[in-house]
Amino acid sequence: MANSDDFKLYILKNAIVRNYEDIRDALEIDETFIRDLIKEGVLSEKAGIDYINNIQQRSKKKNIKSVLMKEILNSNNVNVVQNFVNILEKKPLLKQYIDHGIYDAEADLYNGALQMSFETFSQYVRFNGSTLILHLVSECVLNIDEMELIDIKPTQVSKCTELFQILLRKGDKLPTVVAVLRKCGNDRVAEEILTNLTKSSQVLDQKTKRTLQDKIFLGL
């Protein structure tokens, strides 16, 4: 069963894969770098020593970067991959590659969510928890523009409404909805989603809607 660590692994690994050659070429592997990997738990002491020995052999040095990156990508330990990324991000150029990769991987996730049917997304949430789903909803809301609201079929608004319904039925607290819609910074979008939530389900009644409106638009 998938959990938030699976999604974190997906995003981090994809961030590396999307810029694999650039990251590999920009890596500066020396004894200090390997010892940092050992210290942060990315490599065991034995594995780290093996890498250091290989660095000192010119014939093996050329392939070390690829071997190391493949080893990280084959790991299912989220802490190993996260700590490796943390070390890469200490270098501005590598941080740039990682940041771009993470942005693209997250975009793929929420765009994929938008294209799912209501039933499929319900299953997706059920098995994967609501942490990432909340992130997806936030991204969906933030990416709705004014034109979406005057379209005959405002697909993103409708999908966001569905996502909120699923989250609320899972037992997420209403302040979660408030936080996301307040973050949206667009009163028209927030109002449209609230209205849709009230119309399309029993999750929100009129009284609750008014309370949410006060919290979102008046900051009460």
C-alpha atoms as a PDB file:
ATOM      1  CA  MET A   1       0.000   0.000   0.000  1.00  0.00           C
ATOM      2  CA  ALA A   2       1.404   3.365  -0.998  1.00  0.00           C
ATOM      3  CA  ASN A   3       2.043   6.109   1.536  1.00  0.00           C
ATOM      4  CA  SER A   4       3.527   9.594   1.624  1.00  0.00           C
ATOM      5  CA  ASP A   5       7.081   8.167   1.562  1.00  0.00           C
ATOM      6  CA  ASP A   6       6.304   6.495  -1.771  1.00  0.00           C
ATOM      7  CA  PHE A   7       5.308   9.840  -3.241  1.00  0.00           C
ATOM      8  CA  LYS A   8       8.359  11.539  -1.787  1.00  0.00           C
ATOM      9  CA  LEU A   9      10.557   8.837  -3.329  1.00  0.00           C
ATOM     10  CA  TYR A  10       8.751   9.238  -6.640  1.00  0.00           C
ATOM     11  CA  ILE A  11       9.310  13.000  -6.689  1.00  0.00           C
ATOM     12  CA  LEU A  12      12.949  12.910  -5.541  1.00  0.00           C
ATOM     13  CA  LYS A  13      13.952  10.092  -7.888  1.00  0.00           C
ATOM     14  CA  ASN A  14      12.196  11.747 -10.803  1.00  0.00           C
ATOM     15  CA  ALA A  15      13.964  15.013 -10.015  1.00  0.00           C
ATOM     16  CA  ILE A  16      17.251  13.138 -10.459  1.00  0.00           C
ATOM     17  CA  VAL A  17      16.185  11.151 -13.525  1.00  0.00           C
ATOM     18  CA  ARG A  18      14.870  14.198 -15.402  1.00  0.00           C
ATOM     19  CA  ASN A  19      18.272  15.866 -15.165  1.00  0.00           C
ATOM     20  CA  TYR A  20      20.369  12.721 -14.893  1.00  0.00           C
ATOM     21  CA  GLU A  21      23.172  13.635 -17.296  1.00  0.00           C
ATOM     22  CA  ASP A  22      23.447  17.239 -16.089  1.00  0.00           C
ATOM     23  CA  ILE A  23      23.607  16.138 -12.450  1.00  0.00           C
ATOM     24  CA  ARG A  24      26.095  13.368 -13.220  1.00  0.00           C
ATOM     25  CA  ASP A  25      28.369  15.729 -15.170  1.00  0.00           C
ATOM     26  CA  ALA A  26      28.210  18.408 -12.456  1.00  0.00           C
ATOM     27  CA  LEU A  27      29.005  15.997  -9.624  1.00  0.00           C
ATOM     28  CA  GLU A  28      32.444  16.413  -8.112  1.00  0.00           C
ATOM     29  CA  ILE A  29      33.204  13.116  -6.449  1.00  0.00           C
ATOM     30  CA  ASP A  30      36.180  13.164  -4.119  1.00  0.00           C
ATOM     31  CA  GLU A  31      36.948  11.685  -0.720  1.00  0.00           C
ATOM     32  CA  THR A  32      35.262  14.592   1.105  1.00  0.00           C
ATOM     33  CA  PHE A  33      32.031  14.087  -0.865  1.00  0.00           C
ATOM     34  CA  ILE A  34      32.009  10.345  -0.141  1.00  0.00           C
ATOM     35  CA  ARG A  35      32.650  10.927   3.559  1.00  0.00           C
ATOM     36  CA  ASP A  36      29.680  13.354   3.598  1.00  0.00           C
ATOM     37  CA  LEU A  37      27.541  10.555   2.118  1.00  0.00           C
ATOM     38  CA  ILE A  38      28.736   8.184   4.849  1.00  0.00           C
ATOM     39  CA  LYS A  39      28.111  10.773   7.573  1.00  0.00           C
ATOM     40  CA  GLU A  40      24.544  11.397   6.335  1.00  0.00           C
ATOM     41  CA  GLY A  41      23.724   7.689   6.102  1.00  0.00           C
ATOM     42  CA  VAL A  42      23.539   7.607   2.300  1.00  0.00           C
ATOM     43  CA  LEU A  43      26.379   5.071   2.116  1.00  0.00           C
ATOM     44  CA  SER A  44      27.528   2.499   4.645  1.00  0.00           C
ATOM     45  CA  GLU A  45      31.085   2.802   5.950  1.00  0.00           C
ATOM     46  CA  LYS A  46      32.140  -0.227   3.900  1.00  0.00           C
ATOM     47  CA  ALA A  47      30.494   0.992   0.692  1.00  0.00           C
ATOM     48  CA  GLY A  48      31.988   4.441   1.188  1.00  0.00           C
ATOM     49  CA  ILE A  49      35.503   3.050   1.624  1.00  0.00           C
ATOM     50  CA  ASP A  50      35.055   1.006  -1.561  1.00  0.00           C
ATOM     51  CA  TYR A  51      34.123   4.206  -3.427  1.00  0.00           C
ATOM     52  CA  ILE A  52      37.129   6.043  -1.999  1.00  0.00           C
ATOM     53  CA  ASN A  53      39.427   3.195  -3.100  1.00  0.00           C
ATOM     54  CA  ASN A  54      37.907   3.307  -6.582  1.00  0.00           C
ATOM     55  CA  ILE A  55      38.351   7.089  -6.811  1.00  0.00           C
ATOM     56  CA  GLN A  56      42.069   6.531  -6.364  1.00  0.00           C
ATOM     57  CA  GLN A  57      42.151   4.156  -9.357  1.00  0.00           C
ATOM     58  CA  ARG A  58      42.035   6.139 -12.584  1.00  0.00           C
ATOM     59  CA  SER A  59      40.553   3.245 -14.586  1.00  0.00           C
ATOM     60  CA  LYS A  60      37.511   3.052 -12.276  1.00  0.00           C
ATOM     61  CA  LYS A  61      37.071   6.764 -11.523  1.00  0.00           C
ATOM     62  CA  LYS A  62      35.276   7.476 -14.808  1.00  0.00           C
ATOM     63  CA  ASN A  63      32.257   5.288 -13.994  1.00  0.00           C
ATOM     64  CA  ILE A  64      31.894   6.113 -10.304  1.00  0.00           C
ATOM     65  CA  LYS A  65      29.337   8.878 -10.844  1.00  0.00           C
ATOM     66  CA  SER A  66      26.989   6.618 -12.831  1.00  0.00           C
ATOM     67  CA  VAL A  67      27.406   3.729 -10.392  1.00  0.00           C
ATOM     68  CA  LEU A  68      26.655   5.973  -7.415  1.00  0.00           C
ATOM     69  CA  MET A  69      23.592   7.588  -8.991  1.00  0.00           C
ATOM     70  CA  LYS A  70      22.178   4.236 -10.079  1.00  0.00           C
ATOM     71  CA  GLU A  71      22.671   2.929  -6.551  1.00  0.00           C
ATOM     72  CA  ILE A  72      20.698   5.889  -5.162  1.00  0.00           C
ATOM     73  CA  LEU A  73      17.927   5.469  -7.746  1.00  0.00           C
ATOM     74  CA  ASN A  74      17.638   1.763  -6.865  1.00  0.00           C
ATOM     75  CA  SER A  75      17.177   2.549  -3.167  1.00  0.00           C
ATOM     76  CA  ASN A  76      13.699   2.360  -1.666  1.00  0.00           C
ATOM     77  CA  ASN A  77      14.827   4.126   1.506  1.00  0.00           C
ATOM     78  CA  VAL A  78      13.361   7.619   1.418  1.00  0.00           C
ATOM     79  CA  ASN A  79      15.933   8.921   3.917  1.00  0.00           C
ATOM     80  CA  VAL A  80      18.831   7.737   1.761  1.00  0.00           C
ATOM     81  CA  VAL A  81      17.477   9.479  -1.331  1.00  0.00           C
ATOM     82  CA  GLN A  82      16.461  12.624   0.585  1.00  0.00           C
ATOM     83  CA  ASN A  83      19.888  12.925   2.238  1.00  0.00           C
ATOM     84  CA  PHE A  84      21.622  12.432  -1.106  1.00  0.00           C
ATOM     85  CA  VAL A  85      19.514  15.231  -2.591  1.00  0.00           C
ATOM     86  CA  ASN A  86      20.230  17.435   0.444  1.00  0.00           C
ATOM     87  CA  ILE A  87      23.964  17.041  -0.177  1.00  0.00           C
ATOM     88  CA  LEU A  88      23.561  17.812  -3.899  1.00  0.00           C
ATOM     89  CA  GLU A  89      21.598  20.960  -3.075  1.00  0.00           C
ATOM     90  CA  LYS A  90      24.596  22.458  -1.289  1.00  0.00           C
ATOM     91  CA  LYS A  91      25.976  23.236  -4.769  1.00  0.00           C
ATOM     92  CA  PRO A  92      23.983  26.016  -6.528  1.00  0.00           C
ATOM     93  CA  LEU A  93      24.082  24.402  -9.983  1.00  0.00           C
ATOM     94  CA  LEU A  94      23.001  20.997  -8.671  1.00  0.00           C
ATOM     95  CA  LYS A  95      20.278  22.655  -6.580  1.00  0.00           C
ATOM     96  CA  GLN A  96      18.974  24.289  -9.738  1.00  0.00           C
ATOM     97  CA  TYR A  97      18.739  20.926 -11.516  1.00  0.00           C
ATOM     98  CA  ILE A  98      17.024  19.323  -8.505  1.00  0.00           C
ATOM     99  CA  ASP A  99      14.548  22.204  -8.061  1.00  0.00           C
ATOM    100  CA  HIS A 100      13.539  22.065 -11.722  1.00  0.00           C
ATOM    101  CA  GLY A 101      13.178  18.282 -11.555  1.00  0.00           C
ATOM    102  CA  ILE A 102      11.000  18.425  -8.432  1.00  0.00           C
ATOM    103  CA  TYR A 103       8.769  21.101  -9.984  1.00  0.00           C
ATOM    104  CA  ASP A 104       8.254  19.002 -13.122  1.00  0.00           C
ATOM    105  CA  ALA A 105       7.614  15.790 -11.158  1.00  0.00           C
ATOM    106  CA  GLU A 106       5.026  17.483  -8.929  1.00  0.00           C
ATOM    107  CA  ALA A 107       3.382  19.083 -11.965  1.00  0.00           C
ATOM    108  CA  ASP A 108       3.032  15.650 -13.557  1.00  0.00           C
ATOM    109  CA  LEU A 109       1.423  14.313 -10.386  1.00  0.00           C
ATOM    110  CA  TYR A 110      -1.262  16.963 -10.091  1.00  0.00           C
ATOM    111  CA  ASN A 111      -1.911  17.118 -13.846  1.00  0.00           C
ATOM    112  CA  GLY A 112      -2.398  13.367 -13.744  1.00  0.00           C
ATOM    113  CA  ALA A 113      -4.812  13.807 -10.852  1.00  0.00           C
ATOM    114  CA  LEU A 114      -6.844  16.321 -12.845  1.00  0.00           C
ATOM    115  CA  GLN A 115      -7.281  13.808 -15.638  1.00  0.00           C
ATOM    116  CA  MET A 116      -8.519  10.988 -13.408  1.00  0.00           C
ATOM    117  CA  SER A 117     -12.166  10.142 -13.189  1.00  0.00           C
ATOM    118  CA  PHE A 118     -13.932  10.795  -9.887  1.00  0.00           C
ATOM    119  CA  GLU A 119     -14.031   7.052  -9.144  1.00  0.00           C
ATOM    120  CA  THR A 120     -10.345   6.537  -9.932  1.00  0.00           C
ATOM    121  CA  PHE A 121      -9.345   9.496  -7.813  1.00  0.00           C
ATOM    122  CA  SER A 122     -11.432   8.189  -4.913  1.00  0.00           C
ATOM    123  CA  GLN A 123      -9.422   4.972  -5.004  1.00  0.00           C
ATOM    124  CA  TYR A 124      -6.199   6.939  -5.383  1.00  0.00           C
ATOM    125  CA  VAL A 125      -6.942   8.877  -2.215  1.00  0.00           C
ATOM    126  CA  ARG A 126      -8.129   5.837  -0.337  1.00  0.00           C
ATOM    127  CA  PHE A 127      -4.893   3.958  -0.868  1.00  0.00           C
ATOM    128  CA  ASN A 128      -2.454   6.847  -0.776  1.00  0.00           C
ATOM    129  CA  GLY A 129      -3.623   9.043   2.087  1.00  0.00           C
ATOM    130  CA  SER A 130      -4.443  12.710   1.921  1.00  0.00           C
ATOM    131  CA  THR A 131      -1.087  14.455   2.420  1.00  0.00           C
ATOM    132  CA  LEU A 132      -0.095  14.473  -1.224  1.00  0.00           C
ATOM    133  CA  ILE A 133      -3.709  14.853  -2.312  1.00  0.00           C
ATOM    134  CA  LEU A 134      -3.921  18.088  -0.336  1.00  0.00           C
ATOM    135  CA  HIS A 135      -0.822  19.276  -2.156  1.00  0.00           C
ATOM    136  CA  LEU A 136      -2.440  18.366  -5.468  1.00  0.00           C
ATOM    137  CA  VAL A 137      -5.574  20.284  -4.563  1.00  0.00           C
ATOM    138  CA  SER A 138      -3.518  23.296  -3.551  1.00  0.00           C
ATOM    139  CA  GLU A 139      -1.711  23.237  -6.867  1.00  0.00           C
ATOM    140  CA  CYS A 140      -4.968  22.810  -8.784  1.00  0.00           C
ATOM    141  CA  VAL A 141      -6.530  25.780  -6.998  1.00  0.00           C
ATOM    142  CA  LEU A 142      -3.473  27.960  -7.479  1.00  0.00           C
ATOM    143  CA  ASN A 143      -3.402  27.168 -11.186  1.00  0.00           C
ATOM    144  CA  ILE A 144      -6.992  28.135 -11.937  1.00  0.00           C
ATOM    145  CA  ASP A 145      -7.121  31.422 -13.807  1.00  0.00           C
ATOM    146  CA  GLU A 146      -9.959  33.873 -14.409  1.00  0.00           C
ATOM    147  CA  MET A 147     -10.799  32.434 -17.844  1.00  0.00           C
ATOM    148  CA  GLU A 148     -11.526  29.069 -16.258  1.00  0.00           C
ATOM    149  CA  LEU A 149     -14.471  30.565 -14.380  1.00  0.00           C
ATOM    150  CA  ILE A 150     -16.271  31.929 -17.436  1.00  0.00           C
ATOM    151  CA  ASP A 151     -15.811  28.772 -19.486  1.00  0.00           C
ATOM    152  CA  ILE A 152     -18.937  26.641 -20.080  1.00  0.00           C
ATOM    153  CA  LYS A 153     -17.171  23.655 -18.522  1.00  0.00           C
ATOM    154  CA  PRO A 154     -14.774  24.901 -15.828  1.00  0.00           C
ATOM    155  CA  THR A 155     -12.915  21.603 -15.597  1.00  0.00           C
ATOM    156  CA  GLN A 156     -10.341  22.548 -12.993  1.00  0.00           C
ATOM    157  CA  VAL A 157     -12.906  24.154 -10.701  1.00  0.00           C
ATOM    158  CA  SER A 158     -15.075  21.053 -11.007  1.00  0.00           C
ATOM    159  CA  LYS A 159     -12.160  18.748 -10.332  1.00  0.00           C
ATOM    160  CA  CYS A 160     -11.080  20.794  -7.309  1.00  0.00           C
ATOM    161  CA  THR A 161     -14.619  20.515  -5.984  1.00  0.00           C
ATOM    162  CA  GLU A 162     -14.442  16.736  -6.368  1.00  0.00           C
ATOM    163  CA  LEU A 163     -11.060  16.587  -4.652  1.00  0.00           C
ATOM    164  CA  PHE A 164     -12.313  18.600  -1.685  1.00  0.00           C
ATOM    165  CA  GLN A 165     -15.342  16.331  -1.405  1.00  0.00           C
ATOM    166  CA  ILE A 166     -13.111  13.265  -1.222  1.00  0.00           C
ATOM    167  CA  LEU A 167     -10.836  14.864   1.354  1.00  0.00           C
ATOM    168  CA  LEU A 168     -13.753  15.939   3.527  1.00  0.00           C
ATOM    169  CA  ARG A 169     -15.334  12.503   3.333  1.00  0.00           C
ATOM    170  CA  LYS A 170     -12.020  11.032   4.489  1.00  0.00           C
ATOM    171  CA  GLY A 171     -12.410  13.106   7.628  1.00  0.00           C
ATOM    172  CA  ASP A 172     -10.068  15.995   6.864  1.00  0.00           C
ATOM    173  CA  LYS A 173     -10.878  19.012   8.978  1.00  0.00           C
ATOM    174  CA  LEU A 174     -12.620  22.010   7.419  1.00  0.00           C
ATOM    175  CA  PRO A 175      -9.714  24.322   8.378  1.00  0.00           C
ATOM    176  CA  THR A 176      -7.752  22.416   5.723  1.00  0.00           C
ATOM    177  CA  VAL A 177     -10.175  23.701   3.091  1.00  0.00           C
ATOM    178  CA  VAL A 178      -9.927  27.195   4.555  1.00  0.00           C
ATOM    179  CA  ALA A 179      -6.137  27.116   4.437  1.00  0.00           C
ATOM    180  CA  VAL A 180      -6.011  26.031   0.799  1.00  0.00           C
ATOM    181  CA  LEU A 181      -8.619  28.481  -0.438  1.00  0.00           C
ATOM    182  CA  ARG A 182      -7.089  31.345   1.523  1.00  0.00           C
ATOM    183  CA  LYS A 183      -3.721  30.510  -0.026  1.00  0.00           C
ATOM    184  CA  CYS A 184      -5.380  30.697  -3.434  1.00  0.00           C
ATOM    185  CA  GLY A 185      -5.523  34.490  -3.197  1.00  0.00           C
ATOM    186  CA  ASN A 186      -8.384  34.618  -5.678  1.00  0.00           C
ATOM    187  CA  ASP A 187     -11.778  35.317  -4.109  1.00  0.00           C
ATOM    188  CA  ARG A 188     -13.721  34.388  -7.244  1.00  0.00           C
ATOM    189  CA  VAL A 189     -12.089  30.973  -7.469  1.00  0.00           C
ATOM    190  CA  ALA A 190     -12.566  30.333  -3.758  1.00  0.00           C
ATOM    191  CA  GLU A 191     -16.227  31.394  -3.891  1.00  0.00           C
ATOM    192  CA  GLU A 192     -16.879  29.209  -6.957  1.00  0.00           C
ATOM    193  CA  ILE A 193     -15.405  26.134  -5.284  1.00  0.00           C
ATOM    194  CA  LEU A 194     -17.337  26.771  -2.064  1.00  0.00           C
ATOM    195  CA  THR A 195     -20.559  27.188  -4.023  1.00  0.00           C
ATOM    196  CA  ASN A 196     -19.922  23.985  -5.950  1.00  0.00           C
ATOM    197  CA  LEU A 197     -19.169  22.116  -2.732  1.00  0.00           C
ATOM    198  CA  THR A 198     -22.463  23.264  -1.227  1.00  0.00           C
ATOM    199  CA  LYS A 199     -24.490  22.421  -4.346  1.00  0.00           C
ATOM    200  CA  SER A 200     -22.978  19.097  -5.208  1.00  0.00           C
ATOM    201  CA  SER A 201     -22.747  17.269  -1.915  1.00  0.00           C
ATOM    202  CA  GLN A 202     -23.972  16.998   1.624  1.00  0.00           C
ATOM    203  CA  VAL A 203     -20.473  17.692   2.906  1.00  0.00           C
ATOM    204  CA  LEU A 204     -21.174  21.392   3.392  1.00  0.00           C
ATOM    205  CA  ASP A 205     -24.460  22.883   4.488  1.00  0.00           C
ATOM    206  CA  GLN A 206     -25.298  26.570   4.104  1.00  0.00           C
ATOM    207  CA  LYS A 207     -24.365  27.406   7.699  1.00  0.00           C
ATOM    208  CA  THR A 208     -20.940  25.764   7.346  1.00  0.00           C
ATOM    209  CA  LYS A 209     -20.440  27.507   4.028  1.00  0.00           C
ATOM    210  CA  ARG A 210     -21.109  30.908   5.620  1.00  0.00           C
ATOM    211  CA  THR A 211     -18.626  30.087   8.399  1.00  0.00           C
ATOM    212  CA  LEU A 212     -16.006  29.163   5.819  1.00  0.00           C
ATOM    213  CA  GLN A 213     -16.699  32.329   3.842  1.00  0.00           C
ATOM    214  CA  ASP A 214     -16.114  34.420   6.953  1.00  0.00           C
ATOM    215  CA  LYS A 215     -12.833  32.623   7.652  1.00  0.00           C
ATOM    216  CA  ILE A 216     -11.557  32.791   4.081  1.00  0.00           C
ATOM    217  CA  PHE A 217     -12.656  36.242   3.005  1.00  0.00           C
ATOM    218  CA  LEU A 218     -12.775  38.092   6.318  1.00  0.00           C
ATOM    219  CA  GLY A 219     -10.029  36.219   8.144  1.00  0.00           C
ATOM    220  CA  LEU A 220     -12.271  35.545  11.148  1.00  0.00           C
END
